[in-house]
């Protein structure tokens, strides 16, 4: 069974009304997601993190 590490993230609404989610998996390595609502932003962030982990390894 594969364990998926929990990655803390921030979620905020920008001045244009879009939601932005940001996470950092190690110093200098992070990802962003954006969407029309909080769920969309987090889903976008999850996709970005999956690609990031694939390329640079899991969080430490």
N, C-alpha and C. Protein backbone atom coordinates (compact mmCIF):
# COMPACT_ATOMS: atom_id res chain seq x y z
N UNK A 1 0.84 -1.19 0.00
CA UNK A 1 0.00 0.00 0.00
C UNK A 1 0.89 1.24 0.00
N UNK A 2 0.59 2.18 -0.87
CA UNK A 2 1.36 3.42 -0.97
C UNK A 2 0.79 4.46 -0.02
N UNK A 3 1.69 5.09 0.73
CA UNK A 3 1.26 6.18 1.61
C UNK A 3 1.45 7.51 0.90
N UNK A 4 0.46 8.35 0.98
CA UNK A 4 0.53 9.68 0.40
C UNK A 4 0.79 10.66 1.53
N UNK A 5 1.93 11.38 1.47
CA UNK A 5 2.23 12.31 2.55
C UNK A 5 1.30 13.52 2.54
N UNK A 6 1.00 13.99 3.72
CA UNK A 6 0.20 15.22 3.85
C UNK A 6 1.11 16.41 3.55
N UNK A 7 0.64 17.30 2.73
CA UNK A 7 1.40 18.50 2.38
C UNK A 7 0.58 19.72 2.79
N UNK A 8 1.08 20.49 3.74
CA UNK A 8 0.33 21.69 4.12
C UNK A 8 0.29 22.69 2.96
N UNK A 9 -0.82 23.41 2.88
CA UNK A 9 -0.96 24.41 1.81
C UNK A 9 -1.71 25.61 2.34
N UNK A 10 -1.57 26.71 1.60
CA UNK A 10 -2.34 27.91 1.92
C UNK A 10 -3.37 28.11 0.81
N UNK A 11 -4.47 28.74 1.17
CA UNK A 11 -5.54 28.99 0.21
C UNK A 11 -6.05 30.40 0.45
N UNK A 12 -6.04 31.21 -0.59
CA UNK A 12 -6.54 32.58 -0.46
C UNK A 12 -7.15 33.04 -1.77
N UNK A 13 -8.01 34.03 -1.67
CA UNK A 13 -8.66 34.59 -2.83
C UNK A 13 -7.90 35.84 -3.26
N UNK A 14 -7.60 35.94 -4.57
CA UNK A 14 -6.86 37.11 -5.04
C UNK A 14 -7.81 38.27 -5.36
N UNK A 15 -7.24 39.38 -5.78
CA UNK A 15 -8.03 40.60 -6.01
C UNK A 15 -9.00 40.46 -7.19
N UNK A 16 -8.77 39.47 -8.06
CA UNK A 16 -9.67 39.25 -9.19
C UNK A 16 -10.78 38.24 -8.86
N UNK A 17 -10.77 37.71 -7.64
CA UNK A 17 -11.80 36.77 -7.23
C UNK A 17 -11.43 35.30 -7.42
N UNK A 18 -10.27 35.03 -8.02
CA UNK A 18 -9.84 33.65 -8.18
C UNK A 18 -9.22 33.15 -6.89
N UNK A 19 -9.29 31.84 -6.70
CA UNK A 19 -8.69 31.21 -5.52
C UNK A 19 -7.32 30.66 -5.88
N UNK A 20 -6.36 30.86 -4.98
CA UNK A 20 -4.99 30.41 -5.19
C UNK A 20 -4.58 29.49 -4.04
N UNK A 21 -4.06 28.32 -4.38
CA UNK A 21 -3.56 27.37 -3.39
C UNK A 21 -2.06 27.21 -3.62
N UNK A 22 -1.28 27.24 -2.55
CA UNK A 22 0.18 27.12 -2.65
C UNK A 22 0.68 26.11 -1.63
N UNK A 23 1.68 25.34 -2.04
CA UNK A 23 2.29 24.37 -1.13
C UNK A 23 3.79 24.30 -1.43
N UNK A 24 4.55 23.99 -0.40
CA UNK A 24 6.00 23.83 -0.55
C UNK A 24 6.37 22.45 -0.02
N UNK A 25 7.10 21.67 -0.84
CA UNK A 25 7.48 20.34 -0.38
C UNK A 25 8.88 20.31 0.22
N UNK A 26 9.66 21.31 -0.08
CA UNK A 26 10.98 21.51 0.55
C UNK A 26 11.43 22.92 0.20
N UNK A 27 12.42 23.45 0.89
CA UNK A 27 12.86 24.82 0.58
C UNK A 27 13.20 24.99 -0.91
N UNK A 28 12.59 25.97 -1.49
CA UNK A 28 12.83 26.27 -2.90
C UNK A 28 12.04 25.43 -3.90
N UNK A 29 11.24 24.48 -3.41
CA UNK A 29 10.46 23.61 -4.30
C UNK A 29 9.01 23.63 -3.86
N UNK A 30 8.14 24.13 -4.71
CA UNK A 30 6.73 24.22 -4.37
C UNK A 30 5.87 24.23 -5.61
N UNK A 31 4.57 24.33 -5.40
CA UNK A 31 3.62 24.32 -6.50
C UNK A 31 2.46 25.25 -6.19
N UNK A 32 1.73 25.62 -7.24
CA UNK A 32 0.56 26.49 -7.10
C UNK A 32 -0.61 25.90 -7.87
N UNK A 33 -1.78 26.21 -7.38
CA UNK A 33 -3.01 25.84 -8.08
C UNK A 33 -3.93 27.05 -8.09
N UNK A 34 -4.77 27.14 -9.10
CA UNK A 34 -5.67 28.28 -9.20
C UNK A 34 -7.01 27.79 -9.72
N UNK A 35 -8.09 28.42 -9.23
CA UNK A 35 -9.40 28.02 -9.70
C UNK A 35 -10.46 29.05 -9.35
N UNK A 36 -11.65 28.86 -9.90
CA UNK A 36 -12.76 29.77 -9.67
C UNK A 36 -13.35 29.62 -8.27
N UNK A 37 -13.08 28.47 -7.64
CA UNK A 37 -13.57 28.24 -6.28
C UNK A 37 -12.48 27.47 -5.51
N UNK A 38 -12.59 27.39 -4.19
CA UNK A 38 -11.54 26.73 -3.40
C UNK A 38 -11.28 25.28 -3.84
N UNK A 39 -12.32 24.51 -4.12
CA UNK A 39 -12.13 23.11 -4.52
C UNK A 39 -11.35 23.00 -5.83
N UNK A 40 -11.63 23.87 -6.77
CA UNK A 40 -10.91 23.87 -8.06
C UNK A 40 -9.45 24.21 -7.86
N UNK A 41 -9.17 25.18 -7.01
CA UNK A 41 -7.78 25.58 -6.75
C UNK A 41 -7.00 24.44 -6.10
N UNK A 42 -7.61 23.75 -5.15
CA UNK A 42 -6.93 22.65 -4.48
C UNK A 42 -6.73 21.48 -5.45
N UNK A 43 -7.71 21.20 -6.29
CA UNK A 43 -7.57 20.13 -7.29
C UNK A 43 -6.43 20.45 -8.25
N UNK A 44 -6.33 21.71 -8.67
CA UNK A 44 -5.25 22.14 -9.56
C UNK A 44 -3.90 22.00 -8.85
N UNK A 45 -3.86 22.36 -7.58
CA UNK A 45 -2.63 22.22 -6.80
C UNK A 45 -2.24 20.75 -6.69
N UNK A 46 -3.20 19.86 -6.46
CA UNK A 46 -2.89 18.44 -6.34
C UNK A 46 -2.27 17.90 -7.63
N UNK A 47 -2.78 18.33 -8.77
CA UNK A 47 -2.19 17.92 -10.05
C UNK A 47 -0.76 18.43 -10.18
N UNK A 48 -0.55 19.68 -9.82
CA UNK A 48 0.79 20.26 -9.90
C UNK A 48 1.75 19.54 -8.96
N UNK A 49 1.30 19.22 -7.76
CA UNK A 49 2.15 18.51 -6.80
C UNK A 49 2.49 17.11 -7.28
N UNK A 50 1.53 16.42 -7.90
CA UNK A 50 1.79 15.07 -8.41
C UNK A 50 2.92 15.10 -9.44
N UNK A 51 2.88 16.07 -10.34
CA UNK A 51 3.94 16.21 -11.33
C UNK A 51 5.27 16.59 -10.70
N UNK A 52 5.21 17.43 -9.71
CA UNK A 52 6.42 17.87 -9.01
C UNK A 52 7.08 16.72 -8.28
N UNK A 53 6.29 15.94 -7.57
CA UNK A 53 6.83 14.79 -6.83
C UNK A 53 7.40 13.76 -7.79
N UNK A 54 6.75 13.57 -8.92
CA UNK A 54 7.24 12.64 -9.92
C UNK A 54 8.63 13.07 -10.41
N UNK A 55 8.83 14.37 -10.57
CA UNK A 55 10.09 14.87 -11.09
C UNK A 55 11.19 15.07 -10.06
N UNK A 56 10.82 15.45 -8.83
CA UNK A 56 11.85 15.77 -7.85
C UNK A 56 11.80 14.95 -6.57
N UNK A 57 10.89 14.02 -6.47
CA UNK A 57 10.80 13.17 -5.29
C UNK A 57 9.81 13.68 -4.28
N UNK A 58 9.47 12.83 -3.32
CA UNK A 58 8.47 13.18 -2.30
C UNK A 58 8.98 14.23 -1.31
N UNK A 59 8.06 14.82 -0.56
CA UNK A 59 8.46 15.81 0.45
C UNK A 59 9.41 15.21 1.48
N UNK A 60 10.29 16.02 2.00
CA UNK A 60 11.19 15.60 3.07
C UNK A 60 10.92 16.38 4.31
